[in-house]
Amino acid sequence: MDDDLVFKALADPTRRLLLDALFQNDGQSQSDLEAVVVARTEMTRHGVAKHLRILEDAGLITTRRQGRTKLHHLNPVPIRLIHDRWIDKYTGHHVTALTELKRTLEDSP
């Protein structure tokens, strides 16, 4: 897995929107995903295809043909590997205690 490709893919809000859509309803066609994106942006079909290609190159989605339809599926493994390598080590007890203290202080009048 190439961390740079995953970070690049996750850096774009449209690609995160596509991943969220697949998280909600896995196995969608490009047309289904285009409807989600077009509802929130003014992107063309070609633009959505480019974003899907970047997500596939990063290993964040996989595709499978079902008849004439190409279905897109979320692959959460690269995100989990990023989490384990870059985030998990910072979620120790002391960091959790600090975040709880921060929330308490922000919530107090």
PDB file of N, CA and C in Angstrom:
ATOM      1  N   MET A   1       0.842  -1.182   0.000  1.00  0.00           N
ATOM      2  CA  MET A   1       0.000   0.000   0.000  1.00  0.00           C
ATOM      3  C   MET A   1       0.882   1.239   0.000  1.00  0.00           C
ATOM      4  N   ASP A   2       0.521   2.205  -0.805  1.00  0.00           N
ATOM      5  CA  ASP A   2       1.246   3.465  -0.886  1.00  0.00           C
ATOM      6  C   ASP A   2       0.490   4.512  -0.069  1.00  0.00           C
ATOM      7  N   ASP A   3       1.055   4.874   1.100  1.00  0.00           N
ATOM      8  CA  ASP A   3       0.406   5.853   1.979  1.00  0.00           C
ATOM      9  C   ASP A   3       0.142   7.169   1.253  1.00  0.00           C
ATOM     10  N   ASP A   4       1.064   7.585   0.391  1.00  0.00           N
ATOM     11  CA  ASP A   4       0.894   8.854  -0.312  1.00  0.00           C
ATOM     12  C   ASP A   4      -0.356   8.850  -1.189  1.00  0.00           C
ATOM     13  N   LEU A   5      -0.616   7.730  -1.870  1.00  0.00           N
ATOM     14  CA  LEU A   5      -1.813   7.639  -2.709  1.00  0.00           C
ATOM     15  C   LEU A   5      -3.082   7.697  -1.866  1.00  0.00           C
ATOM     16  N   VAL A   6      -3.047   7.046  -0.712  1.00  0.00           N
ATOM     17  CA  VAL A   6      -4.217   7.045   0.164  1.00  0.00           C
ATOM     18  C   VAL A   6      -4.462   8.446   0.715  1.00  0.00           C
ATOM     19  N   PHE A   7      -3.396   9.106   1.207  1.00  0.00           N
ATOM     20  CA  PHE A   7      -3.555  10.462   1.726  1.00  0.00           C
ATOM     21  C   PHE A   7      -4.045  11.415   0.635  1.00  0.00           C
ATOM     22  N   LYS A   8      -3.496  11.280  -0.567  1.00  0.00           N
ATOM     23  CA  LYS A   8      -3.924  12.128  -1.689  1.00  0.00           C
ATOM     24  C   LYS A   8      -5.404  11.899  -1.991  1.00  0.00           C
ATOM     25  N   ALA A   9      -5.811  10.651  -2.001  1.00  0.00           N
ATOM     26  CA  ALA A   9      -7.205  10.324  -2.290  1.00  0.00           C
ATOM     27  C   ALA A   9      -8.131  10.880  -1.208  1.00  0.00           C
ATOM     28  N   LEU A  10      -7.719  10.776   0.041  1.00  0.00           N
ATOM     29  CA  LEU A  10      -8.562  11.245   1.141  1.00  0.00           C
ATOM     30  C   LEU A  10      -8.573  12.764   1.274  1.00  0.00           C
ATOM     31  N   ALA A  11      -7.616  13.433   0.654  1.00  0.00           N
ATOM     32  CA  ALA A  11      -7.500  14.889   0.797  1.00  0.00           C
ATOM     33  C   ALA A  11      -8.610  15.652   0.079  1.00  0.00           C
ATOM     34  N   ASP A  12      -9.267  15.040  -0.874  1.00  0.00           N
ATOM     35  CA  ASP A  12     -10.260  15.736  -1.681  1.00  0.00           C
ATOM     36  C   ASP A  12     -11.675  15.522  -1.127  1.00  0.00           C
ATOM     37  N   PRO A  13     -12.436  16.600  -0.935  1.00  0.00           N
ATOM     38  CA  PRO A  13     -13.792  16.459  -0.376  1.00  0.00           C
ATOM     39  C   PRO A  13     -14.747  15.653  -1.260  1.00  0.00           C
ATOM     40  N   THR A  14     -14.592  15.721  -2.569  1.00  0.00           N
ATOM     41  CA  THR A  14     -15.463  14.933  -3.453  1.00  0.00           C
ATOM     42  C   THR A  14     -15.185  13.450  -3.287  1.00  0.00           C
ATOM     43  N   ARG A  15     -13.916  13.094  -3.170  1.00  0.00           N
ATOM     44  CA  ARG A  15     -13.583  11.670  -2.983  1.00  0.00           C
ATOM     45  C   ARG A  15     -14.065  11.180  -1.618  1.00  0.00           C
ATOM     46  N   ARG A  16     -13.989  12.036  -0.598  1.00  0.00           N
ATOM     47  CA  ARG A  16     -14.524  11.644   0.714  1.00  0.00           C
ATOM     48  C   ARG A  16     -16.044  11.471   0.626  1.00  0.00           C
ATOM     49  N   LEU A  17     -16.704  12.313  -0.148  1.00  0.00           N
ATOM     50  CA  LEU A  17     -18.146  12.181  -0.360  1.00  0.00           C
ATOM     51  C   LEU A  17     -18.468  10.840  -1.020  1.00  0.00           C
ATOM     52  N   LEU A  18     -17.683  10.459  -2.023  1.00  0.00           N
ATOM     53  CA  LEU A  18     -17.882   9.166  -2.685  1.00  0.00           C
ATOM     54  C   LEU A  18     -17.673   8.008  -1.709  1.00  0.00           C
ATOM     55  N   LEU A  19     -16.637   8.091  -0.879  1.00  0.00           N
ATOM     56  CA  LEU A  19     -16.396   7.037   0.110  1.00  0.00           C
ATOM     57  C   LEU A  19     -17.538   6.961   1.116  1.00  0.00           C
ATOM     58  N   ASP A  20     -18.037   8.120   1.552  1.00  0.00           N
ATOM     59  CA  ASP A  20     -19.177   8.131   2.475  1.00  0.00           C
ATOM     60  C   ASP A  20     -20.407   7.496   1.834  1.00  0.00           C
ATOM     61  N   ALA A  21     -20.616   7.778   0.555  1.00  0.00           N
ATOM     62  CA  ALA A  21     -21.762   7.197  -0.154  1.00  0.00           C
ATOM     63  C   ALA A  21     -21.637   5.680  -0.224  1.00  0.00           C
ATOM     64  N   LEU A  22     -20.420   5.192  -0.453  1.00  0.00           N
ATOM     65  CA  LEU A  22     -20.211   3.741  -0.499  1.00  0.00           C
ATOM     66  C   LEU A  22     -20.312   3.121   0.893  1.00  0.00           C
ATOM     67  N   PHE A  23     -19.934   3.878   1.910  1.00  0.00           N
ATOM     68  CA  PHE A  23     -20.084   3.382   3.279  1.00  0.00           C
ATOM     69  C   PHE A  23     -21.564   3.204   3.598  1.00  0.00           C
ATOM     70  N   GLN A  24     -22.379   4.155   3.162  1.00  0.00           N
ATOM     71  CA  GLN A  24     -23.828   4.093   3.410  1.00  0.00           C
ATOM     72  C   GLN A  24     -24.497   2.979   2.612  1.00  0.00           C
ATOM     73  N   ASN A  25     -24.053   2.802   1.362  1.00  0.00           N
ATOM     74  CA  ASN A  25     -24.688   1.828   0.478  1.00  0.00           C
ATOM     75  C   ASN A  25     -23.616   1.269  -0.458  1.00  0.00           C
ATOM     76  N   ASP A  26     -23.010   0.183  -0.061  1.00  0.00           N
ATOM     77  CA  ASP A  26     -21.903  -0.391  -0.824  1.00  0.00           C
ATOM     78  C   ASP A  26     -22.410  -1.034  -2.110  1.00  0.00           C
ATOM     79  N   GLY A  27     -21.548  -1.081  -3.112  1.00  0.00           N
ATOM     80  CA  GLY A  27     -21.882  -1.744  -4.368  1.00  0.00           C
ATOM     81  C   GLY A  27     -22.717  -0.888  -5.296  1.00  0.00           C
ATOM     82  N   GLN A  28     -22.335   0.374  -5.458  1.00  0.00           N
ATOM     83  CA  GLN A  28     -23.086   1.280  -6.318  1.00  0.00           C
ATOM     84  C   GLN A  28     -22.420   1.410  -7.683  1.00  0.00           C
ATOM     85  N   SER A  29     -23.241   1.698  -8.676  1.00  0.00           N
ATOM     86  CA  SER A  29     -22.733   1.936 -10.024  1.00  0.00           C
ATOM     87  C   SER A  29     -22.196   3.361 -10.113  1.00  0.00           C
ATOM     88  N   GLN A  30     -21.479   3.648 -11.188  1.00  0.00           N
ATOM     89  CA  GLN A  30     -20.980   5.004 -11.393  1.00  0.00           C
ATOM     90  C   GLN A  30     -22.150   5.988 -11.501  1.00  0.00           C
ATOM     91  N   SER A  31     -23.219   5.585 -12.147  1.00  0.00           N
ATOM     92  CA  SER A  31     -24.396   6.457 -12.270  1.00  0.00           C
ATOM     93  C   SER A  31     -24.988   6.787 -10.908  1.00  0.00           C
ATOM     94  N   ASP A  32     -25.061   5.788 -10.033  1.00  0.00           N
ATOM     95  CA  ASP A  32     -25.561   6.022  -8.675  1.00  0.00           C
ATOM     96  C   ASP A  32     -24.682   7.029  -7.945  1.00  0.00           C
ATOM     97  N   LEU A  33     -23.374   6.844  -8.065  1.00  0.00           N
ATOM     98  CA  LEU A  33     -22.432   7.732  -7.382  1.00  0.00           C
ATOM     99  C   LEU A  33     -22.432   9.127  -7.998  1.00  0.00           C
ATOM    100  N   GLU A  34     -22.619   9.197  -9.304  1.00  0.00           N
ATOM    101  CA  GLU A  34     -22.725  10.505  -9.969  1.00  0.00           C
ATOM    102  C   GLU A  34     -23.908  11.284  -9.414  1.00  0.00           C
ATOM    103  N   ALA A  35     -25.020  10.619  -9.175  1.00  0.00           N
ATOM    104  CA  ALA A  35     -26.204  11.282  -8.641  1.00  0.00           C
ATOM    105  C   ALA A  35     -25.910  11.906  -7.279  1.00  0.00           C
ATOM    106  N   VAL A  36     -25.132  11.219  -6.461  1.00  0.00           N
ATOM    107  CA  VAL A  36     -24.761  11.743  -5.142  1.00  0.00           C
ATOM    108  C   VAL A  36     -23.905  12.992  -5.297  1.00  0.00           C
ATOM    109  N   VAL A  37     -22.913  12.923  -6.177  1.00  0.00           N
ATOM    110  CA  VAL A  37     -21.980  14.041  -6.354  1.00  0.00           C
ATOM    111  C   VAL A  37     -22.664  15.222  -7.025  1.00  0.00           C
ATOM    112  N   VAL A  38     -23.426  14.973  -8.074  1.00  0.00           N
ATOM    113  CA  VAL A  38     -24.074  16.049  -8.816  1.00  0.00           C
ATOM    114  C   VAL A  38     -25.084  16.783  -7.927  1.00  0.00           C
ATOM    115  N   ALA A  39     -25.682  16.078  -6.975  1.00  0.00           N
ATOM    116  CA  ALA A  39     -26.625  16.718  -6.060  1.00  0.00           C
ATOM    117  C   ALA A  39     -25.938  17.776  -5.194  1.00  0.00           C
ATOM    118  N   ARG A  40     -24.633  17.649  -5.005  1.00  0.00           N
ATOM    119  CA  ARG A  40     -23.902  18.579  -4.124  1.00  0.00           C
ATOM    120  C   ARG A  40     -22.881  19.448  -4.844  1.00  0.00           C
ATOM    121  N   THR A  41     -22.530  19.106  -6.055  1.00  0.00           N
ATOM    122  CA  THR A  41     -21.536  19.882  -6.796  1.00  0.00           C
ATOM    123  C   THR A  41     -21.999  20.028  -8.239  1.00  0.00           C
ATOM    124  N   GLU A  42     -21.218  20.714  -9.039  1.00  0.00           N
ATOM    125  CA  GLU A  42     -21.534  20.854 -10.463  1.00  0.00           C
ATOM    126  C   GLU A  42     -20.550  20.032 -11.298  1.00  0.00           C
ATOM    127  N   MET A  43     -20.255  18.845 -10.854  1.00  0.00           N
ATOM    128  CA  MET A  43     -19.255  18.022 -11.509  1.00  0.00           C
ATOM    129  C   MET A  43     -19.856  17.232 -12.670  1.00  0.00           C
ATOM    130  N   THR A  44     -19.041  17.019 -13.676  1.00  0.00           N
ATOM    131  CA  THR A  44     -19.460  16.231 -14.840  1.00  0.00           C
ATOM    132  C   THR A  44     -19.255  14.741 -14.582  1.00  0.00           C
ATOM    133  N   ARG A  45     -19.824  13.952 -15.462  1.00  0.00           N
ATOM    134  CA  ARG A  45     -19.653  12.492 -15.398  1.00  0.00           C
ATOM    135  C   ARG A  45     -18.167  12.135 -15.490  1.00  0.00           C
ATOM    136  N   HIS A  46     -17.455  12.828 -16.367  1.00  0.00           N
ATOM    137  CA  HIS A  46     -16.023  12.576 -16.532  1.00  0.00           C
ATOM    138  C   HIS A  46     -15.260  12.902 -15.244  1.00  0.00           C
ATOM    139  N   GLY A  47     -15.637  13.969 -14.571  1.00  0.00           N
ATOM    140  CA  GLY A  47     -14.992  14.340 -13.307  1.00  0.00           C
ATOM    141  C   GLY A  47     -15.185  13.281 -12.240  1.00  0.00           C
ATOM    142  N   VAL A  48     -16.395  12.752 -12.142  1.00  0.00           N
ATOM    143  CA  VAL A  48     -16.666  11.685 -11.169  1.00  0.00           C
ATOM    144  C   VAL A  48     -15.833  10.454 -11.506  1.00  0.00           C
ATOM    145  N   ALA A  49     -15.729  10.121 -12.785  1.00  0.00           N
ATOM    146  CA  ALA A  49     -14.937   8.963 -13.210  1.00  0.00           C
ATOM    147  C   ALA A  49     -13.475   9.125 -12.807  1.00  0.00           C
ATOM    148  N   LYS A  50     -12.934  10.348 -12.944  1.00  0.00           N
ATOM    149  CA  LYS A  50     -11.547  10.591 -12.542  1.00  0.00           C
ATOM    150  C   LYS A  50     -11.369  10.389 -11.042  1.00  0.00           C
ATOM    151  N   HIS A  51     -12.315  10.865 -10.249  1.00  0.00           N
ATOM    152  CA  HIS A  51     -12.234  10.679  -8.803  1.00  0.00           C
ATOM    153  C   HIS A  51     -12.314   9.199  -8.428  1.00  0.00           C
ATOM    154  N   LEU A  52     -13.188   8.474  -9.097  1.00  0.00           N
ATOM    155  CA  LEU A  52     -13.300   7.036  -8.830  1.00  0.00           C
ATOM    156  C   LEU A  52     -12.006   6.304  -9.195  1.00  0.00           C
ATOM    157  N   ARG A  53     -11.371   6.731 -10.269  1.00  0.00           N
ATOM    158  CA  ARG A  53     -10.104   6.117 -10.682  1.00  0.00           C
ATOM    159  C   ARG A  53      -9.015   6.346  -9.622  1.00  0.00           C
ATOM    160  N   ILE A  54      -8.960   7.549  -9.080  1.00  0.00           N
ATOM    161  CA  ILE A  54      -7.971   7.861  -8.036  1.00  0.00           C
ATOM    162  C   ILE A  54      -8.231   7.019  -6.792  1.00  0.00           C
ATOM    163  N   LEU A  55      -9.494   6.874  -6.415  1.00  0.00           N
ATOM    164  CA  LEU A  55      -9.838   6.039  -5.262  1.00  0.00           C
ATOM    165  C   LEU A  55      -9.466   4.571  -5.508  1.00  0.00           C
ATOM    166  N   GLU A  56      -9.685   4.119  -6.725  1.00  0.00           N
ATOM    167  CA  GLU A  56      -9.334   2.733  -7.063  1.00  0.00           C
ATOM    168  C   GLU A  56      -7.818   2.546  -7.075  1.00  0.00           C
ATOM    169  N   ASP A  57      -7.085   3.506  -7.622  1.00  0.00           N
ATOM    170  CA  ASP A  57      -5.616   3.427  -7.634  1.00  0.00           C
ATOM    171  C   ASP A  57      -5.038   3.400  -6.223  1.00  0.00           C
ATOM    172  N   ALA A  58      -5.708   4.081  -5.292  1.00  0.00           N
ATOM    173  CA  ALA A  58      -5.256   4.110  -3.900  1.00  0.00           C
ATOM    174  C   ALA A  58      -5.695   2.864  -3.135  1.00  0.00           C
ATOM    175  N   GLY A  59      -6.507   2.029  -3.765  1.00  0.00           N
ATOM    176  CA  GLY A  59      -6.972   0.806  -3.114  1.00  0.00           C
ATOM    177  C   GLY A  59      -8.147   1.035  -2.172  1.00  0.00           C
ATOM    178  N   LEU A  60      -8.747   2.223  -2.211  1.00  0.00           N
ATOM    179  CA  LEU A  60      -9.849   2.535  -1.312  1.00  0.00           C
ATOM    180  C   LEU A  60     -11.189   2.012  -1.809  1.00  0.00           C
ATOM    181  N   ILE A  61     -11.269   1.728  -3.093  1.00  0.00           N
ATOM    182  CA  ILE A  61     -12.458   1.069  -3.635  1.00  0.00           C
ATOM    183  C   ILE A  61     -12.014  -0.053  -4.561  1.00  0.00           C
ATOM    184  N   THR A  62     -12.887  -1.013  -4.704  1.00  0.00           N
ATOM    185  CA  THR A  62     -12.688  -2.091  -5.674  1.00  0.00           C
ATOM    186  C   THR A  62     -13.912  -2.094  -6.585  1.00  0.00           C
ATOM    187  N   THR A  63     -13.756  -2.693  -7.745  1.00  0.00           N
ATOM    188  CA  THR A  63     -14.885  -2.761  -8.671  1.00  0.00           C
ATOM    189  C   THR A  63     -15.130  -4.210  -9.069  1.00  0.00           C
ATOM    190  N   ARG A  64     -16.384  -4.451  -9.412  1.00  0.00           N
ATOM    191  CA  ARG A  64     -16.788  -5.787  -9.856  1.00  0.00           C
ATOM    192  C   ARG A  64     -17.870  -5.616 -10.900  1.00  0.00           C
ATOM    193  N   ARG A  65     -17.764  -6.369 -11.960  1.00  0.00           N
ATOM    194  CA  ARG A  65     -18.774  -6.321 -13.029  1.00  0.00           C
ATOM    195  C   ARG A  65     -19.942  -7.228 -12.655  1.00  0.00           C
ATOM    196  N   GLN A  66     -21.125  -6.683 -12.858  1.00  0.00           N
ATOM    197  CA  GLN A  66     -22.346  -7.465 -12.708  1.00  0.00           C
ATOM    198  C   GLN A  66     -23.141  -7.227 -13.980  1.00  0.00           C
ATOM    199  N   GLY A  67     -22.997  -8.142 -14.905  1.00  0.00           N
ATOM    200  CA  GLY A  67     -23.581  -7.943 -16.226  1.00  0.00           C
ATOM    201  C   GLY A  67     -22.859  -6.801 -16.922  1.00  0.00           C
ATOM    202  N   ARG A  68     -23.611  -5.790 -17.344  1.00  0.00           N
ATOM    203  CA  ARG A  68     -23.004  -4.644 -18.027  1.00  0.00           C
ATOM    204  C   ARG A  68     -22.659  -3.516 -17.057  1.00  0.00           C
ATOM    205  N   THR A  69     -22.991  -3.710 -15.785  1.00  0.00           N
ATOM    206  CA  THR A  69     -22.797  -2.668 -14.783  1.00  0.00           C
ATOM    207  C   THR A  69     -21.522  -2.927 -13.986  1.00  0.00           C
ATOM    208  N   LYS A  70     -20.768  -1.871 -13.778  1.00  0.00           N
ATOM    209  CA  LYS A  70     -19.562  -1.932 -12.954  1.00  0.00           C
ATOM    210  C   LYS A  70     -19.931  -1.393 -11.574  1.00  0.00           C
ATOM    211  N   LEU A  71     -19.856  -2.258 -10.557  1.00  0.00           N
ATOM    212  CA  LEU A  71     -20.210  -1.866  -9.204  1.00  0.00           C
ATOM    213  C   LEU A  71     -18.957  -1.495  -8.407  1.00  0.00           C
ATOM    214  N   HIS A  72     -19.059  -0.451  -7.617  1.00  0.00           N
ATOM    215  CA  HIS A  72     -17.951   0.047  -6.804  1.00  0.00           C
ATOM    216  C   HIS A  72     -18.191  -0.335  -5.350  1.00  0.00           C
ATOM    217  N   HIS A  73     -17.133  -0.855  -4.710  1.00  0.00           N
ATOM    218  CA  HIS A  73     -17.225  -1.305  -3.325  1.00  0.00           C
ATOM    219  C   HIS A  73     -16.138  -0.635  -2.498  1.00  0.00           C
ATOM    220  N   LEU A  74     -16.508  -0.264  -1.282  1.00  0.00           N
ATOM    221  CA  LEU A  74     -15.566   0.343  -0.354  1.00  0.00           C
ATOM    222  C   LEU A  74     -14.582  -0.702   0.147  1.00  0.00           C
ATOM    223  N   ASN A  75     -13.304  -0.354   0.179  1.00  0.00           N
ATOM    224  CA  ASN A  75     -12.275  -1.196   0.780  1.00  0.00           C
ATOM    225  C   ASN A  75     -11.676  -0.412   1.944  1.00  0.00           C
ATOM    226  N   PRO A  76     -12.110  -0.684   3.184  1.00  0.00           N
ATOM    227  CA  PRO A  76     -11.643   0.099   4.330  1.00  0.00           C
ATOM    228  C   PRO A  76     -10.248  -0.263   4.820  1.00  0.00           C
ATOM    229  N   VAL A  77      -9.626  -1.291   4.270  1.00  0.00           N
ATOM    230  CA  VAL A  77      -8.327  -1.751   4.767  1.00  0.00           C
ATOM    231  C   VAL A  77      -7.250  -0.662   4.707  1.00  0.00           C
ATOM    232  N   PRO A  78      -7.070   0.067   3.602  1.00  0.00           N
ATOM    233  CA  PRO A  78      -6.035   1.108   3.594  1.00  0.00           C
ATOM    234  C   PRO A  78      -6.250   2.188   4.659  1.00  0.00           C
ATOM    235  N   ILE A  79      -7.502   2.533   4.912  1.00  0.00           N
ATOM    236  CA  ILE A  79      -7.783   3.530   5.948  1.00  0.00           C
ATOM    237  C   ILE A  79      -7.417   2.971   7.316  1.00  0.00           C
ATOM    238  N   ARG A  80      -7.722   1.715   7.535  1.00  0.00           N
ATOM    239  CA  ARG A  80      -7.378   1.089   8.817  1.00  0.00           C
ATOM    240  C   ARG A  80      -5.865   1.019   8.997  1.00  0.00           C
ATOM    241  N   LEU A  81      -5.145   0.705   7.935  1.00  0.00           N
ATOM    242  CA  LEU A  81      -3.680   0.654   8.032  1.00  0.00           C
ATOM    243  C   LEU A  81      -3.108   2.030   8.355  1.00  0.00           C
ATOM    244  N   ILE A  82      -3.668   3.082   7.748  1.00  0.00           N
ATOM    245  CA  ILE A  82      -3.253   4.454   8.075  1.00  0.00           C
ATOM    246  C   ILE A  82      -3.545   4.735   9.541  1.00  0.00           C
ATOM    247  N   HIS A  83      -4.723   4.359   9.982  1.00  0.00           N
ATOM    248  CA  HIS A  83      -5.101   4.559  11.381  1.00  0.00           C
ATOM    249  C   HIS A  83      -4.124   3.868  12.318  1.00  0.00           C
ATOM    250  N   ASP A  84      -3.853   2.608  12.040  1.00  0.00           N
ATOM    251  CA  ASP A  84      -2.956   1.847  12.915  1.00  0.00           C
ATOM    252  C   ASP A  84      -1.553   2.438  12.952  1.00  0.00           C
ATOM    253  N   ARG A  85      -1.091   2.919  11.819  1.00  0.00           N
ATOM    254  CA  ARG A  85       0.276   3.444  11.757  1.00  0.00           C
ATOM    255  C   ARG A  85       0.394   4.871  12.277  1.00  0.00           C
ATOM    256  N   TRP A  86      -0.552   5.741  11.929  1.00  0.00           N
ATOM    257  CA  TRP A  86      -0.389   7.169  12.198  1.00  0.00           C
ATOM    258  C   TRP A  86      -1.263   7.714  13.316  1.00  0.00           C
ATOM    259  N   ILE A  87      -2.383   7.083  13.600  1.00  0.00           N
ATOM    260  CA  ILE A  87      -3.314   7.654  14.568  1.00  0.00           C
ATOM    261  C   ILE A  87      -3.321   6.878  15.881  1.00  0.00           C
ATOM    262  N   ASP A  88      -3.329   5.580  15.784  1.00  0.00           N
ATOM    263  CA  ASP A  88      -3.477   4.743  16.970  1.00  0.00           C
ATOM    264  C   ASP A  88      -2.423   5.036  18.037  1.00  0.00           C
ATOM    265  N   LYS A  89      -1.196   5.305  17.623  1.00  0.00           N
ATOM    266  CA  LYS A  89      -0.136   5.536  18.609  1.00  0.00           C
ATOM    267  C   LYS A  89      -0.352   6.811  19.414  1.00  0.00           C
ATOM    268  N   TYR A  90      -1.206   7.713  18.904  1.00  0.00           N
ATOM    269  CA  TYR A  90      -1.488   8.961  19.616  1.00  0.00           C
ATOM    270  C   TYR A  90      -2.764   8.895  20.450  1.00  0.00           C
ATOM    271  N   THR A  91      -3.403   7.756  20.493  1.00  0.00           N
ATOM    272  CA  THR A  91      -4.657   7.646  21.222  1.00  0.00           C
ATOM    273  C   THR A  91      -4.486   6.950  22.561  1.00  0.00           C
ATOM    274  N   GLY A  92      -3.306   7.007  23.096  1.00  0.00           N
ATOM    275  CA  GLY A  92      -3.041   6.407  24.400  1.00  0.00           C
ATOM    276  C   GLY A  92      -3.821   7.088  25.505  1.00  0.00           C
ATOM    277  N   HIS A  93      -3.678   6.572  26.695  1.00  0.00           N
ATOM    278  CA  HIS A  93      -4.413   7.051  27.858  1.00  0.00           C
ATOM    279  C   HIS A  93      -4.195   8.543  28.115  1.00  0.00           C
ATOM    280  N   HIS A  94      -2.962   9.001  27.994  1.00  0.00           N
ATOM    281  CA  HIS A  94      -2.696  10.409  28.284  1.00  0.00           C
ATOM    282  C   HIS A  94      -3.365  11.350  27.285  1.00  0.00           C
ATOM    283  N   VAL A  95      -3.423  10.955  26.032  1.00  0.00           N
ATOM    284  CA  VAL A  95      -4.093  11.789  25.032  1.00  0.00           C
ATOM    285  C   VAL A  95      -5.599  11.779  25.270  1.00  0.00           C
ATOM    286  N   THR A  96      -6.146  10.636  25.611  1.00  0.00           N
ATOM    287  CA  THR A  96      -7.568  10.539  25.907  1.00  0.00           C
ATOM    288  C   THR A  96      -7.921  11.413  27.105  1.00  0.00           C
ATOM    289  N   ALA A  97      -7.084  11.385  28.115  1.00  0.00           N
ATOM    290  CA  ALA A  97      -7.332  12.221  29.294  1.00  0.00           C
ATOM    291  C   ALA A  97      -7.312  13.704  28.930  1.00  0.00           C
ATOM    292  N   LEU A  98      -6.380  14.108  28.083  1.00  0.00           N
ATOM    293  CA  LEU A  98      -6.321  15.516  27.676  1.00  0.00           C
ATOM    294  C   LEU A  98      -7.537  15.942  26.859  1.00  0.00           C
ATOM    295  N   THR A  99      -7.989  15.082  25.974  1.00  0.00           N
ATOM    296  CA  THR A  99      -9.165  15.436  25.175  1.00  0.00           C
ATOM    297  C   THR A  99     -10.417  15.504  26.049  1.00  0.00           C
ATOM    298  N   GLU A 100     -10.521  14.618  27.038  1.00  0.00           N
ATOM    299  CA  GLU A 100     -11.659  14.678  27.953  1.00  0.00           C
ATOM    300  C   GLU A 100     -11.607  15.956  28.785  1.00  0.00           C
ATOM    301  N   LEU A 101     -10.432  16.351  29.229  1.00  0.00           N
ATOM    302  CA  LEU A 101     -10.268  17.590  29.971  1.00  0.00           C
ATOM    303  C   LEU A 101     -10.658  18.793  29.091  1.00  0.00           C
ATOM    304  N   LYS A 102     -10.237  18.775  27.850  1.00  0.00           N
ATOM    305  CA  LYS A 102     -10.574  19.857  26.921  1.00  0.00           C
ATOM    306  C   LYS A 102     -12.081  19.965  26.752  1.00  0.00           C
ATOM    307  N   ARG A 103     -12.761  18.825  26.549  1.00  0.00           N
ATOM    308  CA  ARG A 103     -14.213  18.832  26.402  1.00  0.00           C
ATOM    309  C   ARG A 103     -14.894  19.364  27.667  1.00  0.00           C
ATOM    310  N   THR A 104     -14.415  18.938  28.818  1.00  0.00           N
ATOM    311  CA  THR A 104     -14.994  19.385  30.097  1.00  0.00           C
ATOM    312  C   THR A 104     -14.854  20.893  30.236  1.00  0.00           C
ATOM    313  N   LEU A 105     -13.668  21.414  29.941  1.00  0.00           N
ATOM    314  CA  LEU A 105     -13.443  22.847  30.065  1.00  0.00           C
ATOM    315  C   LEU A 105     -14.284  23.639  29.074  1.00  0.00           C
ATOM    316  N   GLU A 106     -14.441  23.118  27.866  1.00  0.00           N
ATOM    317  CA  GLU A 106     -15.245  23.812  26.866  1.00  0.00           C
ATOM    318  C   GLU A 106     -16.732  23.783  27.191  1.00  0.00           C
ATOM    319  N   ASP A 107     -17.174  22.729  27.866  1.00  0.00           N
ATOM    320  CA  ASP A 107     -18.594  22.594  28.196  1.00  0.00           C
ATOM    321  C   ASP A 107     -18.978  23.344  29.474  1.00  0.00           C
ATOM    322  N   SER A 108     -18.007  23.701  30.310  1.00  0.00           N
ATOM    323  CA  SER A 108     -18.333  24.402  31.557  1.00  0.00           C
ATOM    324  C   SER A 108     -18.644  25.864  31.271  1.00  0.00           C
ATOM    325  N   PRO A 109     -19.589  26.442  32.075  1.00  0.00           N
ATOM    326  CA  PRO A 109     -20.008  27.826  31.815  1.00  0.00           C
ATOM    327  C   PRO A 109     -18.944  28.857  32.106  1.00  0.00           C
TER     328      PRO A 109
END
